[in-house]
PDBML (XML) file of the C-alpha atoms, coordinates in Angstrom:
<?xml version="1.0" encoding="UTF-8" ?>
<PDBx:datablock datablockName="MODEL"
   xmlns:PDBx="http://pdbml.pdb.org/schema/pdbx-v50.xsd"
   xmlns:xsi="http://www.w3.org/2001/XMLSchema-instance"
   xsi:schemaLocation="http://pdbml.pdb.org/schema/pdbx-v50.xsd pdbx-v50.xsd">
   <PDBx:atom_siteCategory>
      <PDBx:atom_site id="1">
         <PDBx:B_iso_or_equiv>0.00</PDBx:B_iso_or_equiv>
         <PDBx:Cartn_x>4.772</PDBx:Cartn_x>
         <PDBx:Cartn_y>-3.497</PDBx:Cartn_y>
         <PDBx:Cartn_z>-32.451</PDBx:Cartn_z>
         <PDBx:auth_asym_id>A</PDBx:auth_asym_id>
         <PDBx:auth_atom_id>CA</PDBx:auth_atom_id>
         <PDBx:auth_comp_id>ARG</PDBx:auth_comp_id>
         <PDBx:auth_seq_id>1</PDBx:auth_seq_id>
         <PDBx:group_PDB>ATOM</PDBx:group_PDB>
         <PDBx:label_alt_id xsi:nil="true" />
         <PDBx:label_asym_id>A</PDBx:label_asym_id>
         <PDBx:label_atom_id>CA</PDBx:label_atom_id>
         <PDBx:label_comp_id>ARG</PDBx:label_comp_id>
         <PDBx:label_entity_id>1</PDBx:label_entity_id>
         <PDBx:label_seq_id>1</PDBx:label_seq_id>
         <PDBx:occupancy>1.00</PDBx:occupancy>
         <PDBx:pdbx_PDB_model_num>1</PDBx:pdbx_PDB_model_num>
         <PDBx:type_symbol>C</PDBx:type_symbol>
      </PDBx:atom_site>
      <PDBx:atom_site id="2">
         <PDBx:B_iso_or_equiv>0.00</PDBx:B_iso_or_equiv>
         <PDBx:Cartn_x>6.784</PDBx:Cartn_x>
         <PDBx:Cartn_y>-4.326</PDBx:Cartn_y>
         <PDBx:Cartn_z>-35.558</PDBx:Cartn_z>
         <PDBx:auth_asym_id>A</PDBx:auth_asym_id>
         <PDBx:auth_atom_id>CA</PDBx:auth_atom_id>
         <PDBx:auth_comp_id>LEU</PDBx:auth_comp_id>
         <PDBx:auth_seq_id>2</PDBx:auth_seq_id>
         <PDBx:group_PDB>ATOM</PDBx:group_PDB>
         <PDBx:label_alt_id xsi:nil="true" />
         <PDBx:label_asym_id>A</PDBx:label_asym_id>
         <PDBx:label_atom_id>CA</PDBx:label_atom_id>
         <PDBx:label_comp_id>LEU</PDBx:label_comp_id>
         <PDBx:label_entity_id>1</PDBx:label_entity_id>
         <PDBx:label_seq_id>2</PDBx:label_seq_id>
         <PDBx:occupancy>1.00</PDBx:occupancy>
         <PDBx:pdbx_PDB_model_num>1</PDBx:pdbx_PDB_model_num>
         <PDBx:type_symbol>C</PDBx:type_symbol>
      </PDBx:atom_site>
      <PDBx:atom_site id="3">
         <PDBx:B_iso_or_equiv>0.00</PDBx:B_iso_or_equiv>
         <PDBx:Cartn_x>9.820</PDBx:Cartn_x>
         <PDBx:Cartn_y>-5.254</PDBx:Cartn_y>
         <PDBx:Cartn_z>-33.473</PDBx:Cartn_z>
         <PDBx:auth_asym_id>A</PDBx:auth_asym_id>
         <PDBx:auth_atom_id>CA</PDBx:auth_atom_id>
         <PDBx:auth_comp_id>VAL</PDBx:auth_comp_id>
         <PDBx:auth_seq_id>3</PDBx:auth_seq_id>
         <PDBx:group_PDB>ATOM</PDBx:group_PDB>
         <PDBx:label_alt_id xsi:nil="true" />
         <PDBx:label_asym_id>A</PDBx:label_asym_id>
         <PDBx:label_atom_id>CA</PDBx:label_atom_id>
         <PDBx:label_comp_id>VAL</PDBx:label_comp_id>
         <PDBx:label_entity_id>1</PDBx:label_entity_id>
         <PDBx:label_seq_id>3</PDBx:label_seq_id>
         <PDBx:occupancy>1.00</PDBx:occupancy>
         <PDBx:pdbx_PDB_model_num>1</PDBx:pdbx_PDB_model_num>
         <PDBx:type_symbol>C</PDBx:type_symbol>
      </PDBx:atom_site>
      <PDBx:atom_site id="4">
         <PDBx:B_iso_or_equiv>0.00</PDBx:B_iso_or_equiv>
         <PDBx:Cartn_x>7.568</PDBx:Cartn_x>
         <PDBx:Cartn_y>-7.639</PDBx:Cartn_y>
         <PDBx:Cartn_z>-31.575</PDBx:Cartn_z>
         <PDBx:auth_asym_id>A</PDBx:auth_asym_id>
         <PDBx:auth_atom_id>CA</PDBx:auth_atom_id>
         <PDBx:auth_comp_id>HIS</PDBx:auth_comp_id>
         <PDBx:auth_seq_id>4</PDBx:auth_seq_id>
         <PDBx:group_PDB>ATOM</PDBx:group_PDB>
         <PDBx:label_alt_id xsi:nil="true" />
         <PDBx:label_asym_id>A</PDBx:label_asym_id>
         <PDBx:label_atom_id>CA</PDBx:label_atom_id>
         <PDBx:label_comp_id>HIS</PDBx:label_comp_id>
         <PDBx:label_entity_id>1</PDBx:label_entity_id>
         <PDBx:label_seq_id>4</PDBx:label_seq_id>
         <PDBx:occupancy>1.00</PDBx:occupancy>
         <PDBx:pdbx_PDB_model_num>1</PDBx:pdbx_PDB_model_num>
         <PDBx:type_symbol>C</PDBx:type_symbol>
      </PDBx:atom_site>
      <PDBx:atom_site id="5">
         <PDBx:B_iso_or_equiv>0.00</PDBx:B_iso_or_equiv>
         <PDBx:Cartn_x>6.317</PDBx:Cartn_x>
         <PDBx:Cartn_y>-9.184</PDBx:Cartn_y>
         <PDBx:Cartn_z>-34.819</PDBx:Cartn_z>
         <PDBx:auth_asym_id>A</PDBx:auth_asym_id>
         <PDBx:auth_atom_id>CA</PDBx:auth_atom_id>
         <PDBx:auth_comp_id>VAL</PDBx:auth_comp_id>
         <PDBx:auth_seq_id>5</PDBx:auth_seq_id>
         <PDBx:group_PDB>ATOM</PDBx:group_PDB>
         <PDBx:label_alt_id xsi:nil="true" />
         <PDBx:label_asym_id>A</PDBx:label_asym_id>
         <PDBx:label_atom_id>CA</PDBx:label_atom_id>
         <PDBx:label_comp_id>VAL</PDBx:label_comp_id>
         <PDBx:label_entity_id>1</PDBx:label_entity_id>
         <PDBx:label_seq_id>5</PDBx:label_seq_id>
         <PDBx:occupancy>1.00</PDBx:occupancy>
         <PDBx:pdbx_PDB_model_num>1</PDBx:pdbx_PDB_model_num>
         <PDBx:type_symbol>C</PDBx:type_symbol>
      </PDBx:atom_site>
      <PDBx:atom_site id="6">
         <PDBx:B_iso_or_equiv>0.00</PDBx:B_iso_or_equiv>
         <PDBx:Cartn_x>9.763</PDBx:Cartn_x>
         <PDBx:Cartn_y>-9.591</PDBx:Cartn_y>
         <PDBx:Cartn_z>-36.359</PDBx:Cartn_z>
         <PDBx:auth_asym_id>A</PDBx:auth_asym_id>
         <PDBx:auth_atom_id>CA</PDBx:auth_atom_id>
         <PDBx:auth_comp_id>VAL</PDBx:auth_comp_id>
         <PDBx:auth_seq_id>6</PDBx:auth_seq_id>
         <PDBx:group_PDB>ATOM</PDBx:group_PDB>
         <PDBx:label_alt_id xsi:nil="true" />
         <PDBx:label_asym_id>A</PDBx:label_asym_id>
         <PDBx:label_atom_id>CA</PDBx:label_atom_id>
         <PDBx:label_comp_id>VAL</PDBx:label_comp_id>
         <PDBx:label_entity_id>1</PDBx:label_entity_id>
         <PDBx:label_seq_id>6</PDBx:label_seq_id>
         <PDBx:occupancy>1.00</PDBx:occupancy>
         <PDBx:pdbx_PDB_model_num>1</PDBx:pdbx_PDB_model_num>
         <PDBx:type_symbol>C</PDBx:type_symbol>
      </PDBx:atom_site>
      <PDBx:atom_site id="7">
         <PDBx:B_iso_or_equiv>0.00</PDBx:B_iso_or_equiv>
         <PDBx:Cartn_x>11.160</PDBx:Cartn_x>
         <PDBx:Cartn_y>-11.217</PDBx:Cartn_y>
         <PDBx:Cartn_z>-33.217</PDBx:Cartn_z>
         <PDBx:auth_asym_id>A</PDBx:auth_asym_id>
         <PDBx:auth_atom_id>CA</PDBx:auth_atom_id>
         <PDBx:auth_comp_id>LEU</PDBx:auth_comp_id>
         <PDBx:auth_seq_id>7</PDBx:auth_seq_id>
         <PDBx:group_PDB>ATOM</PDBx:group_PDB>
         <PDBx:label_alt_id xsi:nil="true" />
         <PDBx:label_asym_id>A</PDBx:label_asym_id>
         <PDBx:label_atom_id>CA</PDBx:label_atom_id>
         <PDBx:label_comp_id>LEU</PDBx:label_comp_id>
         <PDBx:label_entity_id>1</PDBx:label_entity_id>
         <PDBx:label_seq_id>7</PDBx:label_seq_id>
         <PDBx:occupancy>1.00</PDBx:occupancy>
         <PDBx:pdbx_PDB_model_num>1</PDBx:pdbx_PDB_model_num>
         <PDBx:type_symbol>C</PDBx:type_symbol>
      </PDBx:atom_site>
      <PDBx:atom_site id="8">
         <PDBx:B_iso_or_equiv>0.00</PDBx:B_iso_or_equiv>
         <PDBx:Cartn_x>8.174</PDBx:Cartn_x>
         <PDBx:Cartn_y>-13.570</PDBx:Cartn_y>
         <PDBx:Cartn_z>-33.148</PDBx:Cartn_z>
         <PDBx:auth_asym_id>A</PDBx:auth_asym_id>
         <PDBx:auth_atom_id>CA</PDBx:auth_atom_id>
         <PDBx:auth_comp_id>GLY</PDBx:auth_comp_id>
         <PDBx:auth_seq_id>8</PDBx:auth_seq_id>
         <PDBx:group_PDB>ATOM</PDBx:group_PDB>
         <PDBx:label_alt_id xsi:nil="true" />
         <PDBx:label_asym_id>A</PDBx:label_asym_id>
         <PDBx:label_atom_id>CA</PDBx:label_atom_id>
         <PDBx:label_comp_id>GLY</PDBx:label_comp_id>
         <PDBx:label_entity_id>1</PDBx:label_entity_id>
         <PDBx:label_seq_id>8</PDBx:label_seq_id>
         <PDBx:occupancy>1.00</PDBx:occupancy>
         <PDBx:pdbx_PDB_model_num>1</PDBx:pdbx_PDB_model_num>
         <PDBx:type_symbol>C</PDBx:type_symbol>
      </PDBx:atom_site>
      <PDBx:atom_site id="9">
         <PDBx:B_iso_or_equiv>0.00</PDBx:B_iso_or_equiv>
         <PDBx:Cartn_x>8.906</PDBx:Cartn_x>
         <PDBx:Cartn_y>-14.662</PDBx:Cartn_y>
         <PDBx:Cartn_z>-36.712</PDBx:Cartn_z>
         <PDBx:auth_asym_id>A</PDBx:auth_asym_id>
         <PDBx:auth_atom_id>CA</PDBx:auth_atom_id>
         <PDBx:auth_comp_id>TYR</PDBx:auth_comp_id>
         <PDBx:auth_seq_id>9</PDBx:auth_seq_id>
         <PDBx:group_PDB>ATOM</PDBx:group_PDB>
         <PDBx:label_alt_id xsi:nil="true" />
         <PDBx:label_asym_id>A</PDBx:label_asym_id>
         <PDBx:label_atom_id>CA</PDBx:label_atom_id>
         <PDBx:label_comp_id>TYR</PDBx:label_comp_id>
         <PDBx:label_entity_id>1</PDBx:label_entity_id>
         <PDBx:label_seq_id>9</PDBx:label_seq_id>
         <PDBx:occupancy>1.00</PDBx:occupancy>
         <PDBx:pdbx_PDB_model_num>1</PDBx:pdbx_PDB_model_num>
         <PDBx:type_symbol>C</PDBx:type_symbol>
      </PDBx:atom_site>
      <PDBx:atom_site id="10">
         <PDBx:B_iso_or_equiv>0.00</PDBx:B_iso_or_equiv>
         <PDBx:Cartn_x>12.532</PDBx:Cartn_x>
         <PDBx:Cartn_y>-15.070</PDBx:Cartn_y>
         <PDBx:Cartn_z>-35.708</PDBx:Cartn_z>
         <PDBx:auth_asym_id>A</PDBx:auth_asym_id>
         <PDBx:auth_atom_id>CA</PDBx:auth_atom_id>
         <PDBx:auth_comp_id>THR</PDBx:auth_comp_id>
         <PDBx:auth_seq_id>10</PDBx:auth_seq_id>
         <PDBx:group_PDB>ATOM</PDBx:group_PDB>
         <PDBx:label_alt_id xsi:nil="true" />
         <PDBx:label_asym_id>A</PDBx:label_asym_id>
         <PDBx:label_atom_id>CA</PDBx:label_atom_id>
         <PDBx:label_comp_id>THR</PDBx:label_comp_id>
         <PDBx:label_entity_id>1</PDBx:label_entity_id>
         <PDBx:label_seq_id>10</PDBx:label_seq_id>
         <PDBx:occupancy>1.00</PDBx:occupancy>
         <PDBx:pdbx_PDB_model_num>1</PDBx:pdbx_PDB_model_num>
         <PDBx:type_symbol>C</PDBx:type_symbol>
      </PDBx:atom_site>
      <PDBx:atom_site id="11">
         <PDBx:B_iso_or_equiv>0.00</PDBx:B_iso_or_equiv>
         <PDBx:Cartn_x>11.543</PDBx:Cartn_x>
         <PDBx:Cartn_y>-17.459</PDBx:Cartn_y>
         <PDBx:Cartn_z>-32.932</PDBx:Cartn_z>
         <PDBx:auth_asym_id>A</PDBx:auth_asym_id>
         <PDBx:auth_atom_id>CA</PDBx:auth_atom_id>
         <PDBx:auth_comp_id>MET</PDBx:auth_comp_id>
         <PDBx:auth_seq_id>11</PDBx:auth_seq_id>
         <PDBx:group_PDB>ATOM</PDBx:group_PDB>
         <PDBx:label_alt_id xsi:nil="true" />
         <PDBx:label_asym_id>A</PDBx:label_asym_id>
         <PDBx:label_atom_id>CA</PDBx:label_atom_id>
         <PDBx:label_comp_id>MET</PDBx:label_comp_id>
         <PDBx:label_entity_id>1</PDBx:label_entity_id>
         <PDBx:label_seq_id>11</PDBx:label_seq_id>
         <PDBx:occupancy>1.00</PDBx:occupancy>
         <PDBx:pdbx_PDB_model_num>1</PDBx:pdbx_PDB_model_num>
         <PDBx:type_symbol>C</PDBx:type_symbol>
      </PDBx:atom_site>
      <PDBx:atom_site id="12">
         <PDBx:B_iso_or_equiv>0.00</PDBx:B_iso_or_equiv>
         <PDBx:Cartn_x>9.499</PDBx:Cartn_x>
         <PDBx:Cartn_y>-19.503</PDBx:Cartn_y>
         <PDBx:Cartn_z>-35.393</PDBx:Cartn_z>
         <PDBx:auth_asym_id>A</PDBx:auth_asym_id>
         <PDBx:auth_atom_id>CA</PDBx:auth_atom_id>
         <PDBx:auth_comp_id>ALA</PDBx:auth_comp_id>
         <PDBx:auth_seq_id>12</PDBx:auth_seq_id>
         <PDBx:group_PDB>ATOM</PDBx:group_PDB>
         <PDBx:label_alt_id xsi:nil="true" />
         <PDBx:label_asym_id>A</PDBx:label_asym_id>
         <PDBx:label_atom_id>CA</PDBx:label_atom_id>
         <PDBx:label_comp_id>ALA</PDBx:label_comp_id>
         <PDBx:label_entity_id>1</PDBx:label_entity_id>
         <PDBx:label_seq_id>12</PDBx:label_seq_id>
         <PDBx:occupancy>1.00</PDBx:occupancy>
         <PDBx:pdbx_PDB_model_num>1</PDBx:pdbx_PDB_model_num>
         <PDBx:type_symbol>C</PDBx:type_symbol>
      </PDBx:atom_site>
      <PDBx:atom_site id="13">
         <PDBx:B_iso_or_equiv>0.00</PDBx:B_iso_or_equiv>
         <PDBx:Cartn_x>12.394</PDBx:Cartn_x>
         <PDBx:Cartn_y>-19.663</PDBx:Cartn_y>
         <PDBx:Cartn_z>-37.842</PDBx:Cartn_z>
         <PDBx:auth_asym_id>A</PDBx:auth_asym_id>
         <PDBx:auth_atom_id>CA</PDBx:auth_atom_id>
         <PDBx:auth_comp_id>GLY</PDBx:auth_comp_id>
         <PDBx:auth_seq_id>13</PDBx:auth_seq_id>
         <PDBx:group_PDB>ATOM</PDBx:group_PDB>
         <PDBx:label_alt_id xsi:nil="true" />
         <PDBx:label_asym_id>A</PDBx:label_asym_id>
         <PDBx:label_atom_id>CA</PDBx:label_atom_id>
         <PDBx:label_comp_id>GLY</PDBx:label_comp_id>
         <PDBx:label_entity_id>1</PDBx:label_entity_id>
         <PDBx:label_seq_id>13</PDBx:label_seq_id>
         <PDBx:occupancy>1.00</PDBx:occupancy>
         <PDBx:pdbx_PDB_model_num>1</PDBx:pdbx_PDB_model_num>
         <PDBx:type_symbol>C</PDBx:type_symbol>
      </PDBx:atom_site>
      <PDBx:atom_site id="14">
         <PDBx:B_iso_or_equiv>0.00</PDBx:B_iso_or_equiv>
         <PDBx:Cartn_x>14.838</PDBx:Cartn_x>
         <PDBx:Cartn_y>-20.655</PDBx:Cartn_y>
         <PDBx:Cartn_z>-35.122</PDBx:Cartn_z>
         <PDBx:auth_asym_id>A</PDBx:auth_asym_id>
         <PDBx:auth_atom_id>CA</PDBx:auth_atom_id>
         <PDBx:auth_comp_id>LEU</PDBx:auth_comp_id>
         <PDBx:auth_seq_id>14</PDBx:auth_seq_id>
         <PDBx:group_PDB>ATOM</PDBx:group_PDB>
         <PDBx:label_alt_id xsi:nil="true" />
         <PDBx:label_asym_id>A</PDBx:label_asym_id>
         <PDBx:label_atom_id>CA</PDBx:label_atom_id>
         <PDBx:label_comp_id>LEU</PDBx:label_comp_id>
         <PDBx:label_entity_id>1</PDBx:label_entity_id>
         <PDBx:label_seq_id>14</PDBx:label_seq_id>
         <PDBx:occupancy>1.00</PDBx:occupancy>
         <PDBx:pdbx_PDB_model_num>1</PDBx:pdbx_PDB_model_num>
         <PDBx:type_symbol>C</PDBx:type_symbol>
      </PDBx:atom_site>
      <PDBx:atom_site id="15">
         <PDBx:B_iso_or_equiv>0.00</PDBx:B_iso_or_equiv>
         <PDBx:Cartn_x>12.514</PDBx:Cartn_x>
         <PDBx:Cartn_y>-23.404</PDBx:Cartn_y>
         <PDBx:Cartn_z>-33.949</PDBx:Cartn_z>
         <PDBx:auth_asym_id>A</PDBx:auth_asym_id>
         <PDBx:auth_atom_id>CA</PDBx:auth_atom_id>
         <PDBx:auth_comp_id>LEU</PDBx:auth_comp_id>
         <PDBx:auth_seq_id>15</PDBx:auth_seq_id>
         <PDBx:group_PDB>ATOM</PDBx:group_PDB>
         <PDBx:label_alt_id xsi:nil="true" />
         <PDBx:label_asym_id>A</PDBx:label_asym_id>
         <PDBx:label_atom_id>CA</PDBx:label_atom_id>
         <PDBx:label_comp_id>LEU</PDBx:label_comp_id>
         <PDBx:label_entity_id>1</PDBx:label_entity_id>
         <PDBx:label_seq_id>15</PDBx:label_seq_id>
         <PDBx:occupancy>1.00</PDBx:occupancy>
         <PDBx:pdbx_PDB_model_num>1</PDBx:pdbx_PDB_model_num>
         <PDBx:type_symbol>C</PDBx:type_symbol>
      </PDBx:atom_site>
      <PDBx:atom_site id="16">
         <PDBx:B_iso_or_equiv>0.00</PDBx:B_iso_or_equiv>
         <PDBx:Cartn_x>12.288</PDBx:Cartn_x>
         <PDBx:Cartn_y>-24.738</PDBx:Cartn_y>
         <PDBx:Cartn_z>-37.503</PDBx:Cartn_z>
         <PDBx:auth_asym_id>A</PDBx:auth_asym_id>
         <PDBx:auth_atom_id>CA</PDBx:auth_atom_id>
         <PDBx:auth_comp_id>GLY</PDBx:auth_comp_id>
         <PDBx:auth_seq_id>16</PDBx:auth_seq_id>
         <PDBx:group_PDB>ATOM</PDBx:group_PDB>
         <PDBx:label_alt_id xsi:nil="true" />
         <PDBx:label_asym_id>A</PDBx:label_asym_id>
         <PDBx:label_atom_id>CA</PDBx:label_atom_id>
         <PDBx:label_comp_id>GLY</PDBx:label_comp_id>
         <PDBx:label_entity_id>1</PDBx:label_entity_id>
         <PDBx:label_seq_id>16</PDBx:label_seq_id>
         <PDBx:occupancy>1.00</PDBx:occupancy>
         <PDBx:pdbx_PDB_model_num>1</PDBx:pdbx_PDB_model_num>
         <PDBx:type_symbol>C</PDBx:type_symbol>
      </PDBx:atom_site>
      <PDBx:atom_site id="17">
         <PDBx:B_iso_or_equiv>0.00</PDBx:B_iso_or_equiv>
         <PDBx:Cartn_x>16.079</PDBx:Cartn_x>
         <PDBx:Cartn_y>-24.754</PDBx:Cartn_y>
         <PDBx:Cartn_z>-37.733</PDBx:Cartn_z>
         <PDBx:auth_asym_id>A</PDBx:auth_asym_id>
         <PDBx:auth_atom_id>CA</PDBx:auth_atom_id>
         <PDBx:auth_comp_id>TRP</PDBx:auth_comp_id>
         <PDBx:auth_seq_id>17</PDBx:auth_seq_id>
         <PDBx:group_PDB>ATOM</PDBx:group_PDB>
         <PDBx:label_alt_id xsi:nil="true" />
         <PDBx:label_asym_id>A</PDBx:label_asym_id>
         <PDBx:label_atom_id>CA</PDBx:label_atom_id>
         <PDBx:label_comp_id>TRP</PDBx:label_comp_id>
         <PDBx:label_entity_id>1</PDBx:label_entity_id>
         <PDBx:label_seq_id>17</PDBx:label_seq_id>
         <PDBx:occupancy>1.00</PDBx:occupancy>
         <PDBx:pdbx_PDB_model_num>1</PDBx:pdbx_PDB_model_num>
         <PDBx:type_symbol>C</PDBx:type_symbol>
      </PDBx:atom_site>
      <PDBx:atom_site id="18">
         <PDBx:B_iso_or_equiv>0.00</PDBx:B_iso_or_equiv>
         <PDBx:Cartn_x>16.393</PDBx:Cartn_x>
         <PDBx:Cartn_y>-26.545</PDBx:Cartn_y>
         <PDBx:Cartn_z>-34.396</PDBx:Cartn_z>
         <PDBx:auth_asym_id>A</PDBx:auth_asym_id>
         <PDBx:auth_atom_id>CA</PDBx:auth_atom_id>
         <PDBx:auth_comp_id>ARG</PDBx:auth_comp_id>
         <PDBx:auth_seq_id>18</PDBx:auth_seq_id>
         <PDBx:group_PDB>ATOM</PDBx:group_PDB>
         <PDBx:label_alt_id xsi:nil="true" />
         <PDBx:label_asym_id>A</PDBx:label_asym_id>
         <PDBx:label_atom_id>CA</PDBx:label_atom_id>
         <PDBx:label_comp_id>ARG</PDBx:label_comp_id>
         <PDBx:label_entity_id>1</PDBx:label_entity_id>
         <PDBx:label_seq_id>18</PDBx:label_seq_id>
         <PDBx:occupancy>1.00</PDBx:occupancy>
         <PDBx:pdbx_PDB_model_num>1</PDBx:pdbx_PDB_model_num>
         <PDBx:type_symbol>C</PDBx:type_symbol>
      </PDBx:atom_site>
      <PDBx:atom_site id="19">
         <PDBx:B_iso_or_equiv>0.00</PDBx:B_iso_or_equiv>
         <PDBx:Cartn_x>13.935</PDBx:Cartn_x>
         <PDBx:Cartn_y>-29.235</PDBx:Cartn_y>
         <PDBx:Cartn_z>-35.439</PDBx:Cartn_z>
         <PDBx:auth_asym_id>A</PDBx:auth_asym_id>
         <PDBx:auth_atom_id>CA</PDBx:auth_atom_id>
         <PDBx:auth_comp_id>VAL</PDBx:auth_comp_id>
         <PDBx:auth_seq_id>19</PDBx:auth_seq_id>
         <PDBx:group_PDB>ATOM</PDBx:group_PDB>
         <PDBx:label_alt_id xsi:nil="true" />
         <PDBx:label_asym_id>A</PDBx:label_asym_id>
         <PDBx:label_atom_id>CA</PDBx:label_atom_id>
         <PDBx:label_comp_id>VAL</PDBx:label_comp_id>
         <PDBx:label_entity_id>1</PDBx:label_entity_id>
         <PDBx:label_seq_id>19</PDBx:label_seq_id>
         <PDBx:occupancy>1.00</PDBx:occupancy>
         <PDBx:pdbx_PDB_model_num>1</PDBx:pdbx_PDB_model_num>
         <PDBx:type_symbol>C</PDBx:type_symbol>
      </PDBx:atom_site>
      <PDBx:atom_site id="20">
         <PDBx:B_iso_or_equiv>0.00</PDBx:B_iso_or_equiv>
         <PDBx:Cartn_x>15.843</PDBx:Cartn_x>
         <PDBx:Cartn_y>-29.770</PDBx:Cartn_y>
         <PDBx:Cartn_z>-38.688</PDBx:Cartn_z>
         <PDBx:auth_asym_id>A</PDBx:auth_asym_id>
         <PDBx:auth_atom_id>CA</PDBx:auth_atom_id>
         <PDBx:auth_comp_id>LEU</PDBx:auth_comp_id>
         <PDBx:auth_seq_id>20</PDBx:auth_seq_id>
         <PDBx:group_PDB>ATOM</PDBx:group_PDB>
         <PDBx:label_alt_id xsi:nil="true" />
         <PDBx:label_asym_id>A</PDBx:label_asym_id>
         <PDBx:label_atom_id>CA</PDBx:label_atom_id>
         <PDBx:label_comp_id>LEU</PDBx:label_comp_id>
         <PDBx:label_entity_id>1</PDBx:label_entity_id>
         <PDBx:label_seq_id>20</PDBx:label_seq_id>
         <PDBx:occupancy>1.00</PDBx:occupancy>
         <PDBx:pdbx_PDB_model_num>1</PDBx:pdbx_PDB_model_num>
         <PDBx:type_symbol>C</PDBx:type_symbol>
      </PDBx:atom_site>
      <PDBx:atom_site id="21">
         <PDBx:B_iso_or_equiv>0.00</PDBx:B_iso_or_equiv>
         <PDBx:Cartn_x>19.164</PDBx:Cartn_x>
         <PDBx:Cartn_y>-29.850</PDBx:Cartn_y>
         <PDBx:Cartn_z>-36.825</PDBx:Cartn_z>
         <PDBx:auth_asym_id>A</PDBx:auth_asym_id>
         <PDBx:auth_atom_id>CA</PDBx:auth_atom_id>
         <PDBx:auth_comp_id>TYR</PDBx:auth_comp_id>
         <PDBx:auth_seq_id>21</PDBx:auth_seq_id>
         <PDBx:group_PDB>ATOM</PDBx:group_PDB>
         <PDBx:label_alt_id xsi:nil="true" />
         <PDBx:label_asym_id>A</PDBx:label_asym_id>
         <PDBx:label_atom_id>CA</PDBx:label_atom_id>
         <PDBx:label_comp_id>TYR</PDBx:label_comp_id>
         <PDBx:label_entity_id>1</PDBx:label_entity_id>
         <PDBx:label_seq_id>21</PDBx:label_seq_id>
         <PDBx:occupancy>1.00</PDBx:occupancy>
         <PDBx:pdbx_PDB_model_num>1</PDBx:pdbx_PDB_model_num>
         <PDBx:type_symbol>C</PDBx:type_symbol>
      </PDBx:atom_site>
      <PDBx:atom_site id="22">
         <PDBx:B_iso_or_equiv>0.00</PDBx:B_iso_or_equiv>
         <PDBx:Cartn_x>17.650</PDBx:Cartn_x>
         <PDBx:Cartn_y>-32.264</PDBx:Cartn_y>
         <PDBx:Cartn_z>-34.338</PDBx:Cartn_z>
         <PDBx:auth_asym_id>A</PDBx:auth_asym_id>
         <PDBx:auth_atom_id>CA</PDBx:auth_atom_id>
         <PDBx:auth_comp_id>GLY</PDBx:auth_comp_id>
         <PDBx:auth_seq_id>22</PDBx:auth_seq_id>
         <PDBx:group_PDB>ATOM</PDBx:group_PDB>
         <PDBx:label_alt_id xsi:nil="true" />
         <PDBx:label_asym_id>A</PDBx:label_asym_id>
         <PDBx:label_atom_id>CA</PDBx:label_atom_id>
         <PDBx:label_comp_id>GLY</PDBx:label_comp_id>
         <PDBx:label_entity_id>1</PDBx:label_entity_id>
         <PDBx:label_seq_id>22</PDBx:label_seq_id>
         <PDBx:occupancy>1.00</PDBx:occupancy>
         <PDBx:pdbx_PDB_model_num>1</PDBx:pdbx_PDB_model_num>
         <PDBx:type_symbol>C</PDBx:type_symbol>
      </PDBx:atom_site>
      <PDBx:atom_site id="23">
         <PDBx:B_iso_or_equiv>0.00</PDBx:B_iso_or_equiv>
         <PDBx:Cartn_x>16.660</PDBx:Cartn_x>
         <PDBx:Cartn_y>-34.608</PDBx:Cartn_y>
         <PDBx:Cartn_z>-37.153</PDBx:Cartn_z>
         <PDBx:auth_asym_id>A</PDBx:auth_asym_id>
         <PDBx:auth_atom_id>CA</PDBx:auth_atom_id>
         <PDBx:auth_comp_id>LEU</PDBx:auth_comp_id>
         <PDBx:auth_seq_id>23</PDBx:auth_seq_id>
         <PDBx:group_PDB>ATOM</PDBx:group_PDB>
         <PDBx:label_alt_id xsi:nil="true" />
         <PDBx:label_asym_id>A</PDBx:label_asym_id>
         <PDBx:label_atom_id>CA</PDBx:label_atom_id>
         <PDBx:label_comp_id>LEU</PDBx:label_comp_id>
         <PDBx:label_entity_id>1</PDBx:label_entity_id>
         <PDBx:label_seq_id>23</PDBx:label_seq_id>
         <PDBx:occupancy>1.00</PDBx:occupancy>
         <PDBx:pdbx_PDB_model_num>1</PDBx:pdbx_PDB_model_num>
         <PDBx:type_symbol>C</PDBx:type_symbol>
      </PDBx:atom_site>
      <PDBx:atom_site id="24">
         <PDBx:B_iso_or_equiv>0.00</PDBx:B_iso_or_equiv>
         <PDBx:Cartn_x>19.785</PDBx:Cartn_x>
         <PDBx:Cartn_y>-34.616</PDBx:Cartn_y>
         <PDBx:Cartn_z>-39.325</PDBx:Cartn_z>
         <PDBx:auth_asym_id>A</PDBx:auth_asym_id>
         <PDBx:auth_atom_id>CA</PDBx:auth_atom_id>
         <PDBx:auth_comp_id>VAL</PDBx:auth_comp_id>
         <PDBx:auth_seq_id>24</PDBx:auth_seq_id>
         <PDBx:group_PDB>ATOM</PDBx:group_PDB>
         <PDBx:label_alt_id xsi:nil="true" />
         <PDBx:label_asym_id>A</PDBx:label_asym_id>
         <PDBx:label_atom_id>CA</PDBx:label_atom_id>
         <PDBx:label_comp_id>VAL</PDBx:label_comp_id>
         <PDBx:label_entity_id>1</PDBx:label_entity_id>
         <PDBx:label_seq_id>24</PDBx:label_seq_id>
         <PDBx:occupancy>1.00</PDBx:occupancy>
         <PDBx:pdbx_PDB_model_num>1</PDBx:pdbx_PDB_model_num>
         <PDBx:type_symbol>C</PDBx:type_symbol>
      </PDBx:atom_site>
   </PDBx:atom_siteCategory>
</PDBx:datablock>
């Protein structure tokens, strides 16, 4: 379960980075 949670947070962080990279 905790692996699942950590990887979910990782996806959210990666999406945030991609949005920022896509803006600047």
